[in-house]
Structure formats: C-alpha cells, structure tokens
Amino acid sequence: MSAVELYPGRISPMGVGTIPHADMLTYSGLELLQRVIDGRYPAPPMAYQLSFALTEAEEGRVVFRGMPNEKHLNPMGGVHGGWAATILDSALGCVVQTLLAKGEAYATAEFKVNLMRPITANIGEVVCEGKIMHKGRTLAVSEATLKDSAGRLLAFGTETCSIFSVANLAAR
C-alpha cells in the first residue's frame, strides 16, 4: 500500500483500507484505534474521501481532526451537514470502541446531530472530540462536539451503540 494524504499535512502511511477482522480477536478496541493512529493500519476509505483522521484515542475519549473542502459542498455552497454528521458519528462510535475488549465489536444504533453554525470550505482544520457517557454490556452512549480552530461550537451529537461479539460481523 502506498501513503495517501487525507488532507493537507495529514498522511496515512499505509493508504486506505480496513482493520482485519482477525485482529479484532487479538487486540482491544483501544489498541486497534491506536494502531490506526500510529500508521500500522490504513485509514478508513471514508476518512480519505471526507478529509478527516483519527488523531487521539484513550479510554473513554477520542479526537478526530478534519478539513472540509470544496468536495463537500451542498448546492448552496456550504459544507453539507452530512460531512459534520459523519465526523461526529466517527468520534461517537470510536469512543465506544476505546472501551471494547478483544473480540467485541459495535454498531451505531441511533444518533442525533445538532448543527449550530454553517461550515465553509475555507474554515481550516476542525476538531471533533468524543467522550463516553455510559457503557453497559450491550449498549453504550456517547457524546461529541465539533469545533473550529477558535473553539467555536459548530455541531454536537449523541449516539447509542450496540455492542456484540466480533463473530456477528458480516463476512467479507
């Protein structure tokens, strides 16, 4: 695999791809995410398409950074709300993943996004921070914020994720 630029200044050394399912039996959720950050796994394909990346992960907290651009505009010339929803969904889900044991997986059951300010293609780098609110045996709830470089709130969201055995993931 060859390196790709996710957005200016942010490189994925292993290109784009997904985490091998077999590795989900070997590493905890946090370990898997740290391997993505460290460049030992490729960036997810949608992170490449949408110009964002996971940059920090610790138990109960993750940070994504992104740079929306002209590829993400709606017909009126603003960044489509789906861009904000996607980076929020990524943080909201990955923060749940930080608490998963080896052999556990998650899927979004529902999420809600509130868009507070318009996002433009020249906004620069934005920061999306996800935090865990509750984790049970089969469900987890998280919250995340999306802010510009001045710390202004652009959007926030909440999410409920189902937790299950990695054996229940669809075969590739």
N, C-alpha and C. Protein backbone atom coordinates (compact mmCIF):
# COMPACT_ATOMS: atom_id res chain seq x y z
N MET A 1 0.84 -1.18 0.00
CA MET A 1 0.00 0.00 0.00
C MET A 1 0.88 1.24 0.00
N SER A 2 0.39 2.26 -0.63
CA SER A 2 1.16 3.50 -0.66
C SER A 2 0.46 4.57 0.16
N ALA A 3 1.26 5.49 0.68
CA ALA A 3 0.76 6.56 1.52
C ALA A 3 -0.21 7.44 0.74
N VAL A 4 -1.20 7.98 1.45
CA VAL A 4 -2.14 8.95 0.87
C VAL A 4 -2.27 10.13 1.81
N GLU A 5 -2.54 11.28 1.23
CA GLU A 5 -2.81 12.47 2.03
C GLU A 5 -4.31 12.56 2.29
N LEU A 6 -4.68 12.53 3.58
CA LEU A 6 -6.09 12.61 3.95
C LEU A 6 -6.59 14.04 3.80
N TYR A 7 -5.75 14.99 4.21
CA TYR A 7 -5.96 16.42 3.98
C TYR A 7 -4.61 17.08 4.17
N PRO A 8 -4.44 18.33 3.80
CA PRO A 8 -3.10 18.93 3.86
C PRO A 8 -2.42 18.76 5.22
N GLY A 9 -1.27 18.10 5.20
CA GLY A 9 -0.50 17.88 6.41
C GLY A 9 -0.81 16.60 7.16
N ARG A 10 -1.81 15.85 6.73
CA ARG A 10 -2.20 14.62 7.43
C ARG A 10 -2.08 13.45 6.47
N ILE A 11 -1.09 12.58 6.71
CA ILE A 11 -0.78 11.47 5.82
C ILE A 11 -1.15 10.15 6.49
N SER A 12 -1.68 9.23 5.69
CA SER A 12 -1.87 7.84 6.12
C SER A 12 -0.80 7.02 5.43
N PRO A 13 0.25 6.58 6.18
CA PRO A 13 1.37 5.88 5.55
C PRO A 13 0.98 4.59 4.84
N MET A 14 -0.08 3.93 5.31
CA MET A 14 -0.49 2.65 4.71
C MET A 14 -1.67 2.80 3.76
N GLY A 15 -1.95 4.01 3.34
CA GLY A 15 -3.05 4.21 2.40
C GLY A 15 -4.40 4.09 3.08
N VAL A 16 -5.36 3.50 2.35
CA VAL A 16 -6.71 3.34 2.88
C VAL A 16 -7.08 1.86 2.91
N GLY A 17 -7.94 1.50 3.84
CA GLY A 17 -8.38 0.12 3.98
C GLY A 17 -9.11 -0.06 5.30
N THR A 18 -9.25 -1.29 5.72
CA THR A 18 -9.97 -1.59 6.96
C THR A 18 -9.12 -2.48 7.86
N ILE A 19 -9.53 -2.58 9.10
CA ILE A 19 -8.85 -3.43 10.08
C ILE A 19 -9.25 -4.89 9.80
N PRO A 20 -8.29 -5.79 9.71
CA PRO A 20 -8.64 -7.20 9.51
C PRO A 20 -9.48 -7.73 10.70
N HIS A 21 -10.57 -8.43 10.38
CA HIS A 21 -11.44 -8.96 11.44
C HIS A 21 -10.67 -9.85 12.42
N ALA A 22 -9.70 -10.61 11.93
CA ALA A 22 -8.94 -11.50 12.81
C ALA A 22 -8.21 -10.70 13.89
N ASP A 23 -7.77 -9.49 13.56
CA ASP A 23 -7.06 -8.66 14.55
C ASP A 23 -7.98 -8.21 15.67
N MET A 24 -9.29 -8.19 15.42
CA MET A 24 -10.24 -7.79 16.46
C MET A 24 -10.32 -8.82 17.57
N LEU A 25 -9.81 -10.02 17.31
CA LEU A 25 -9.74 -11.06 18.33
C LEU A 25 -8.42 -10.97 19.11
N THR A 26 -7.45 -10.27 18.56
CA THR A 26 -6.11 -10.18 19.13
C THR A 26 -5.92 -8.93 19.97
N TYR A 27 -6.56 -7.83 19.56
CA TYR A 27 -6.35 -6.53 20.21
C TYR A 27 -7.66 -5.98 20.77
N SER A 28 -7.54 -5.19 21.82
CA SER A 28 -8.71 -4.49 22.37
C SER A 28 -9.10 -3.38 21.39
N GLY A 29 -10.28 -2.82 21.58
CA GLY A 29 -10.72 -1.71 20.74
C GLY A 29 -9.77 -0.54 20.77
N LEU A 30 -9.29 -0.19 21.96
CA LEU A 30 -8.35 0.92 22.08
C LEU A 30 -7.04 0.61 21.36
N GLU A 31 -6.55 -0.62 21.50
CA GLU A 31 -5.31 -1.00 20.81
C GLU A 31 -5.47 -0.91 19.29
N LEU A 32 -6.61 -1.32 18.77
CA LEU A 32 -6.86 -1.23 17.33
C LEU A 32 -6.82 0.22 16.86
N LEU A 33 -7.49 1.10 17.61
CA LEU A 33 -7.51 2.52 17.22
C LEU A 33 -6.12 3.13 17.31
N GLN A 34 -5.36 2.75 18.32
CA GLN A 34 -4.01 3.29 18.44
C GLN A 34 -3.14 2.84 17.27
N ARG A 35 -3.37 1.64 16.78
CA ARG A 35 -2.63 1.15 15.62
C ARG A 35 -2.98 1.96 14.36
N VAL A 36 -4.23 2.40 14.25
CA VAL A 36 -4.61 3.28 13.13
C VAL A 36 -3.86 4.60 13.25
N ILE A 37 -3.87 5.19 14.45
CA ILE A 37 -3.19 6.47 14.69
C ILE A 37 -1.70 6.35 14.40
N ASP A 38 -1.10 5.23 14.82
CA ASP A 38 0.34 5.02 14.65
C ASP A 38 0.73 4.65 13.22
N GLY A 39 -0.25 4.49 12.34
CA GLY A 39 0.05 4.15 10.95
C GLY A 39 0.32 2.68 10.71
N ARG A 40 -0.05 1.81 11.66
CA ARG A 40 0.14 0.37 11.46
C ARG A 40 -1.05 -0.27 10.75
N TYR A 41 -2.13 0.49 10.61
CA TYR A 41 -3.27 0.11 9.78
C TYR A 41 -3.53 1.27 8.83
N PRO A 42 -4.18 1.01 7.71
CA PRO A 42 -4.54 2.10 6.82
C PRO A 42 -5.68 2.93 7.40
N ALA A 43 -5.85 4.13 6.87
CA ALA A 43 -7.00 4.95 7.25
C ALA A 43 -8.26 4.36 6.60
N PRO A 44 -9.41 4.49 7.24
CA PRO A 44 -10.65 4.01 6.61
C PRO A 44 -10.90 4.76 5.30
N PRO A 45 -11.42 4.08 4.28
CA PRO A 45 -11.65 4.74 2.99
C PRO A 45 -12.48 6.01 3.10
N MET A 46 -13.49 6.03 3.97
CA MET A 46 -14.33 7.23 4.05
C MET A 46 -13.57 8.40 4.68
N ALA A 47 -12.57 8.13 5.51
CA ALA A 47 -11.75 9.22 6.06
C ALA A 47 -10.97 9.91 4.94
N TYR A 48 -10.52 9.12 3.97
CA TYR A 48 -9.83 9.67 2.81
C TYR A 48 -10.80 10.51 1.97
N GLN A 49 -11.98 9.97 1.71
CA GLN A 49 -12.97 10.68 0.89
C GLN A 49 -13.44 11.97 1.54
N LEU A 50 -13.54 11.97 2.87
CA LEU A 50 -14.11 13.13 3.57
C LEU A 50 -13.06 13.99 4.27
N SER A 51 -11.80 13.69 4.09
CA SER A 51 -10.70 14.54 4.57
C SER A 51 -10.67 14.73 6.08
N PHE A 52 -10.71 13.61 6.81
CA PHE A 52 -10.52 13.68 8.25
C PHE A 52 -9.77 12.46 8.75
N ALA A 53 -9.27 12.53 10.00
CA ALA A 53 -8.46 11.45 10.54
C ALA A 53 -8.61 11.36 12.06
N LEU A 54 -8.52 10.15 12.56
CA LEU A 54 -8.42 9.92 14.00
C LEU A 54 -7.01 10.31 14.44
N THR A 55 -6.90 11.19 15.44
CA THR A 55 -5.59 11.68 15.86
C THR A 55 -5.25 11.35 17.31
N GLU A 56 -6.26 11.08 18.14
CA GLU A 56 -6.01 10.74 19.55
C GLU A 56 -7.04 9.70 19.99
N ALA A 57 -6.60 8.79 20.85
CA ALA A 57 -7.52 7.81 21.44
C ALA A 57 -6.99 7.41 22.81
N GLU A 58 -7.85 7.46 23.77
CA GLU A 58 -7.57 6.94 25.11
C GLU A 58 -8.88 6.38 25.64
N GLU A 59 -8.83 5.68 26.72
CA GLU A 59 -10.03 5.06 27.26
C GLU A 59 -11.10 6.12 27.51
N GLY A 60 -12.23 6.01 26.80
CA GLY A 60 -13.36 6.92 27.00
C GLY A 60 -13.26 8.26 26.30
N ARG A 61 -12.25 8.44 25.41
CA ARG A 61 -12.09 9.72 24.71
C ARG A 61 -11.35 9.51 23.39
N VAL A 62 -11.83 10.17 22.33
CA VAL A 62 -11.15 10.19 21.04
C VAL A 62 -11.20 11.59 20.45
N VAL A 63 -10.25 11.86 19.55
CA VAL A 63 -10.24 13.13 18.82
C VAL A 63 -10.02 12.84 17.35
N PHE A 64 -10.85 13.43 16.53
CA PHE A 64 -10.69 13.43 15.08
C PHE A 64 -10.40 14.86 14.66
N ARG A 65 -9.61 15.02 13.61
CA ARG A 65 -9.36 16.32 13.01
C ARG A 65 -9.68 16.20 11.54
N GLY A 66 -10.22 17.27 10.99
CA GLY A 66 -10.58 17.24 9.58
C GLY A 66 -10.52 18.61 8.94
N MET A 67 -10.57 18.59 7.63
CA MET A 67 -10.53 19.84 6.88
C MET A 67 -11.51 19.73 5.71
N PRO A 68 -12.75 20.19 5.94
CA PRO A 68 -13.72 20.15 4.83
C PRO A 68 -13.25 21.05 3.70
N ASN A 69 -13.64 20.71 2.48
CA ASN A 69 -13.21 21.48 1.32
C ASN A 69 -14.31 21.51 0.27
N GLU A 70 -13.98 21.96 -0.91
CA GLU A 70 -14.96 22.14 -2.00
C GLU A 70 -15.65 20.83 -2.40
N LYS A 71 -15.00 19.68 -2.15
CA LYS A 71 -15.63 18.39 -2.47
C LYS A 71 -16.84 18.10 -1.60
N HIS A 72 -16.99 18.84 -0.50
CA HIS A 72 -18.03 18.55 0.48
C HIS A 72 -19.16 19.57 0.50
N LEU A 73 -19.25 20.39 -0.54
CA LEU A 73 -20.24 21.46 -0.57
C LEU A 73 -21.63 20.97 -0.98
N ASN A 74 -22.64 21.61 -0.41
CA ASN A 74 -24.02 21.39 -0.82
C ASN A 74 -24.34 22.36 -1.97
N PRO A 75 -25.53 22.30 -2.55
CA PRO A 75 -25.85 23.18 -3.68
C PRO A 75 -25.77 24.68 -3.37
N MET A 76 -25.89 25.06 -2.11
CA MET A 76 -25.83 26.48 -1.75
C MET A 76 -24.40 26.95 -1.47
N GLY A 77 -23.42 26.04 -1.50
CA GLY A 77 -22.03 26.43 -1.32
C GLY A 77 -21.50 26.28 0.09
N GLY A 78 -22.29 25.75 1.01
CA GLY A 78 -21.80 25.45 2.35
C GLY A 78 -21.40 23.98 2.43
N VAL A 79 -20.62 23.64 3.44
CA VAL A 79 -20.27 22.23 3.64
C VAL A 79 -21.54 21.48 4.05
N HIS A 80 -21.82 20.40 3.36
CA HIS A 80 -23.02 19.61 3.60
C HIS A 80 -23.07 19.14 5.05
N GLY A 81 -24.25 19.18 5.64
CA GLY A 81 -24.42 18.73 7.02
C GLY A 81 -24.01 17.28 7.21
N GLY A 82 -24.06 16.50 6.15
CA GLY A 82 -23.63 15.10 6.23
C GLY A 82 -22.16 14.96 6.54
N TRP A 83 -21.35 15.96 6.15
CA TRP A 83 -19.93 15.92 6.48
C TRP A 83 -19.76 16.01 8.00
N ALA A 84 -20.43 16.98 8.60
CA ALA A 84 -20.37 17.13 10.06
C ALA A 84 -20.92 15.89 10.75
N ALA A 85 -22.04 15.38 10.24
CA ALA A 85 -22.64 14.18 10.84
C ALA A 85 -21.69 12.99 10.77
N THR A 86 -20.94 12.87 9.69
CA THR A 86 -20.04 11.73 9.52
C THR A 86 -18.84 11.80 10.46
N ILE A 87 -18.22 12.96 10.59
CA ILE A 87 -17.09 13.05 11.51
C ILE A 87 -17.58 12.88 12.96
N LEU A 88 -18.78 13.40 13.26
CA LEU A 88 -19.35 13.18 14.60
C LEU A 88 -19.64 11.70 14.83
N ASP A 89 -20.26 11.03 13.86
CA ASP A 89 -20.55 9.61 14.00
C ASP A 89 -19.28 8.80 14.20
N SER A 90 -18.21 9.20 13.52
CA SER A 90 -16.93 8.51 13.68
C SER A 90 -16.41 8.66 15.11
N ALA A 91 -16.45 9.86 15.65
CA ALA A 91 -15.99 10.08 17.02
C ALA A 91 -16.91 9.39 18.02
N LEU A 92 -18.20 9.48 17.78
CA LEU A 92 -19.17 8.88 18.70
C LEU A 92 -19.04 7.37 18.76
N GLY A 93 -18.78 6.73 17.63
CA GLY A 93 -18.59 5.28 17.61
C GLY A 93 -17.23 4.86 18.11
N CYS A 94 -16.19 5.56 17.66
CA CYS A 94 -14.83 5.16 18.06
C CYS A 94 -14.59 5.33 19.55
N VAL A 95 -15.24 6.29 20.17
CA VAL A 95 -15.07 6.42 21.62
C VAL A 95 -15.65 5.19 22.34
N VAL A 96 -16.70 4.63 21.80
CA VAL A 96 -17.22 3.36 22.34
C VAL A 96 -16.18 2.26 22.13
N GLN A 97 -15.56 2.26 20.95
CA GLN A 97 -14.56 1.24 20.65
C GLN A 97 -13.40 1.27 21.63
N THR A 98 -13.08 2.43 22.20
CA THR A 98 -11.97 2.50 23.15
C THR A 98 -12.21 1.66 24.39
N LEU A 99 -13.45 1.29 24.64
CA LEU A 99 -13.80 0.52 25.84
C LEU A 99 -14.08 -0.95 25.55
N LEU A 100 -13.92 -1.36 24.29
CA LEU A 100 -14.24 -2.75 23.92
C LEU A 100 -13.07 -3.68 24.21
N ALA A 101 -13.43 -4.88 24.66
CA ALA A 101 -12.45 -5.92 24.91
C ALA A 101 -12.12 -6.63 23.60
N LYS A 102 -11.07 -7.44 23.63
CA LYS A 102 -10.76 -8.29 22.48
C LYS A 102 -12.01 -9.08 22.12
N GLY A 103 -12.31 -9.18 20.83
CA GLY A 103 -13.44 -9.97 20.39
C GLY A 103 -14.77 -9.25 20.40
N GLU A 104 -14.80 -8.00 20.84
CA GLU A 104 -16.04 -7.22 20.83
C GLU A 104 -16.05 -6.23 19.67
N ALA A 105 -17.25 -5.98 19.14
CA ALA A 105 -17.44 -5.01 18.07
C ALA A 105 -18.63 -4.13 18.45
N TYR A 106 -18.87 -3.10 17.65
CA TYR A 106 -20.00 -2.21 17.91
C TYR A 106 -20.63 -1.79 16.59
N ALA A 107 -21.85 -1.30 16.67
CA ALA A 107 -22.51 -0.69 15.52
C ALA A 107 -23.40 0.43 16.05
N THR A 108 -23.53 1.48 15.28
CA THR A 108 -24.40 2.59 15.65
C THR A 108 -25.85 2.12 15.61
N ALA A 109 -26.58 2.33 16.71
CA ALA A 109 -28.00 2.00 16.76
C ALA A 109 -28.84 3.25 16.43
N GLU A 110 -28.42 4.40 16.93
CA GLU A 110 -29.07 5.66 16.59
C GLU A 110 -28.15 6.79 16.95
N PHE A 111 -28.29 7.91 16.23
CA PHE A 111 -27.54 9.10 16.63
C PHE A 111 -28.29 10.35 16.23
N LYS A 112 -27.99 11.42 16.96
CA LYS A 112 -28.62 12.71 16.75
C LYS A 112 -27.53 13.76 16.63
N VAL A 113 -27.70 14.65 15.66
CA VAL A 113 -26.75 15.72 15.43
C VAL A 113 -27.47 17.06 15.46
N ASN A 114 -26.87 18.02 16.12
CA ASN A 114 -27.34 19.40 16.10
C ASN A 114 -26.27 20.24 15.42
N LEU A 115 -26.65 20.90 14.33
CA LEU A 115 -25.74 21.77 13.58
C LEU A 115 -25.94 23.19 14.09
N MET A 116 -24.89 23.78 14.65
CA MET A 116 -25.01 25.08 15.32
C MET A 116 -24.61 26.26 14.44
N ARG A 117 -23.62 26.08 13.56
CA ARG A 117 -23.11 27.15 12.70
C ARG A 117 -22.85 26.59 11.32
N PRO A 118 -22.92 27.44 10.32
CA PRO A 118 -22.54 26.98 8.98
C PRO A 118 -21.04 26.64 8.94
N ILE A 119 -20.71 25.64 8.15
CA ILE A 119 -19.32 25.26 7.94
C ILE A 119 -18.99 25.60 6.49
N THR A 120 -17.90 26.30 6.29
CA THR A 120 -17.49 26.68 4.94
C THR A 120 -16.28 25.86 4.51
N ALA A 121 -16.02 25.87 3.22
CA ALA A 121 -14.89 25.11 2.68
C ALA A 121 -13.54 25.71 3.07
N ASN A 122 -13.52 26.94 3.53
CA ASN A 122 -12.26 27.58 3.92
C ASN A 122 -12.13 27.73 5.43
N ILE A 123 -12.85 26.94 6.19
CA ILE A 123 -12.84 27.03 7.65
C ILE A 123 -11.50 26.59 8.25
N GLY A 124 -10.74 25.78 7.52
CA GLY A 124 -9.49 25.24 8.05
C GLY A 124 -9.75 23.97 8.84
N GLU A 125 -8.78 23.61 9.66
CA GLU A 125 -8.89 22.36 10.42
C GLU A 125 -9.91 22.50 11.54
N VAL A 126 -10.75 21.50 11.68
CA VAL A 126 -11.73 21.43 12.76
C VAL A 126 -11.39 20.25 13.66
N VAL A 127 -11.88 20.29 14.89
CA VAL A 127 -11.59 19.25 15.88
C VAL A 127 -12.90 18.67 16.38
N CYS A 128 -12.98 17.35 16.38
CA CYS A 128 -14.16 16.64 16.84
C CYS A 128 -13.74 15.72 18.00
N GLU A 129 -14.27 15.98 19.18
CA GLU A 129 -13.90 15.21 20.37
C GLU A 129 -15.10 14.41 20.86
N GLY A 130 -14.89 13.11 21.01
CA GLY A 130 -15.93 12.22 21.51
C GLY A 130 -15.60 11.74 22.91
N LYS A 131 -16.64 11.63 23.74
CA LYS A 131 -16.50 11.14 25.11
C LYS A 131 -17.61 10.14 25.40
N ILE A 132 -17.30 9.21 26.26
CA ILE A 132 -18.27 8.19 26.64
C ILE A 132 -19.17 8.75 27.74
N MET A 133 -20.43 8.47 27.66
CA MET A 133 -21.37 8.87 28.71
C MET A 133 -21.75 7.67 29.58
N HIS A 134 -21.91 6.50 28.92
CA HIS A 134 -22.30 5.28 29.64
C HIS A 134 -21.92 4.08 28.78
N LYS A 135 -21.41 3.03 29.42
CA LYS A 135 -21.20 1.77 28.73
C LYS A 135 -21.72 0.64 29.59
N GLY A 136 -22.64 -0.10 29.01
CA GLY A 136 -23.13 -1.31 29.64
C GLY A 136 -22.61 -2.52 28.90
N ARG A 137 -23.23 -3.67 29.13
CA ARG A 137 -22.80 -4.91 28.50
C ARG A 137 -23.14 -4.94 27.01
N THR A 138 -24.31 -4.41 26.62
CA THR A 138 -24.75 -4.49 25.23
C THR A 138 -25.04 -3.14 24.58
N LEU A 139 -25.03 -2.06 25.35
CA LEU A 139 -25.27 -0.72 24.81
C LEU A 139 -24.30 0.28 25.41
N ALA A 140 -23.95 1.27 24.60
CA ALA A 140 -23.12 2.37 25.10
C ALA A 140 -23.68 3.68 24.53
N VAL A 141 -23.51 4.77 25.29
CA VAL A 141 -23.98 6.08 24.86
C VAL A 141 -22.79 7.03 24.91
N SER A 142 -22.65 7.83 23.85
CA SER A 142 -21.53 8.75 23.76
C SER A 142 -22.01 10.14 23.33
N GLU A 143 -21.12 11.12 23.48
CA GLU A 143 -21.39 12.49 23.05
C GLU A 143 -20.14 13.03 22.37
N ALA A 144 -20.33 13.97 21.45
CA ALA A 144 -19.19 14.55 20.75
C ALA A 144 -19.50 15.99 20.35
N THR A 145 -18.42 16.78 20.24
CA THR A 145 -18.52 18.15 19.77
C THR A 145 -17.62 18.33 18.55
N LEU A 146 -18.01 19.24 17.69
CA LEU A 146 -17.21 19.63 16.53
C LEU A 146 -16.97 21.13 16.65
N LYS A 147 -15.68 21.53 16.70
CA LYS A 147 -15.34 22.93 16.91
C LYS A 147 -14.34 23.41 15.86
N ASP A 148 -14.37 24.72 15.59
CA ASP A 148 -13.39 25.31 14.70
C ASP A 148 -12.12 25.64 15.47
N SER A 149 -11.12 26.19 14.79
CA SER A 149 -9.82 26.45 15.42
C SER A 149 -9.90 27.49 16.53
N ALA A 150 -10.95 28.31 16.55
CA ALA A 150 -11.14 29.30 17.61
C ALA A 150 -11.94 28.73 18.78
N GLY A 151 -12.30 27.45 18.70
CA GLY A 151 -13.04 26.80 19.77
C GLY A 151 -14.55 27.02 19.69
N ARG A 152 -15.04 27.61 18.60
CA ARG A 152 -16.49 27.82 18.46
C ARG A 152 -17.17 26.51 18.10
N LEU A 153 -18.29 26.27 18.76
CA LEU A 153 -19.05 25.04 18.54
C LEU A 153 -19.75 25.10 17.19
N LEU A 154 -19.44 24.15 16.33
CA LEU A 154 -20.08 24.04 15.02
C LEU A 154 -21.25 23.07 15.05
N ALA A 155 -21.08 21.97 15.79
CA ALA A 155 -22.10 20.93 15.87
C ALA A 155 -21.81 20.04 17.07
N PHE A 156 -22.84 19.35 17.54
CA PHE A 156 -22.63 18.34 18.57
C PHE A 156 -23.61 17.21 18.33
N GLY A 157 -23.31 16.07 18.94
CA GLY A 157 -24.18 14.93 18.75
C GLY A 157 -24.10 13.94 19.89
N THR A 158 -25.07 13.05 19.89
CA THR A 158 -25.10 11.93 20.84
C THR A 158 -25.39 10.66 20.04
N GLU A 159 -25.00 9.53 20.62
CA GLU A 159 -25.16 8.27 19.90
C GLU A 159 -25.35 7.12 20.87
N THR A 160 -26.12 6.15 20.43
CA THR A 160 -26.24 4.87 21.13
C THR A 160 -25.67 3.80 20.21
N CYS A 161 -24.78 2.98 20.76
CA CYS A 161 -24.17 1.89 20.00
C CYS A 161 -24.52 0.55 20.63
N SER A 162 -24.76 -0.43 19.78
CA SER A 162 -24.92 -1.81 20.21
C SER A 162 -23.54 -2.43 20.30
N ILE A 163 -23.32 -3.26 21.31
CA ILE A 163 -22.06 -3.97 21.49
C ILE A 163 -22.34 -5.46 21.35
N PHE A 164 -21.49 -6.14 20.58
CA PHE A 164 -21.72 -7.56 20.30
C PHE A 164 -20.40 -8.24 19.98
N SER A 165 -20.44 -9.55 19.84
CA SER A 165 -19.25 -10.33 19.51
C SER A 165 -18.83 -10.05 18.07
N VAL A 166 -17.51 -9.95 17.86
CA VAL A 166 -16.99 -9.73 16.51
C VAL A 166 -17.42 -10.87 15.58
N ALA A 167 -17.73 -12.02 16.11
CA ALA A 167 -18.19 -13.14 15.29
C ALA A 167 -19.48 -12.81 14.56
N ASN A 168 -20.24 -11.82 15.05
CA ASN A 168 -21.51 -11.43 14.44
C ASN A 168 -21.34 -10.43 13.29
N LEU A 169 -20.11 -9.99 13.01
CA LEU A 169 -19.88 -9.10 11.88
C LEU A 169 -20.07 -9.88 10.59
N ALA A 170 -20.58 -9.23 9.58
CA ALA A 170 -20.79 -9.90 8.29
C ALA A 170 -19.45 -10.32 7.71
N ALA A 171 -19.42 -11.44 7.06
CA ALA A 171 -18.19 -11.94 6.43
C ALA A 171 -17.81 -11.01 5.29
N ARG A 172 -16.52 -10.89 5.09
CA ARG A 172 -16.03 -10.01 4.00
C ARG A 172 -16.02 -10.75 2.70
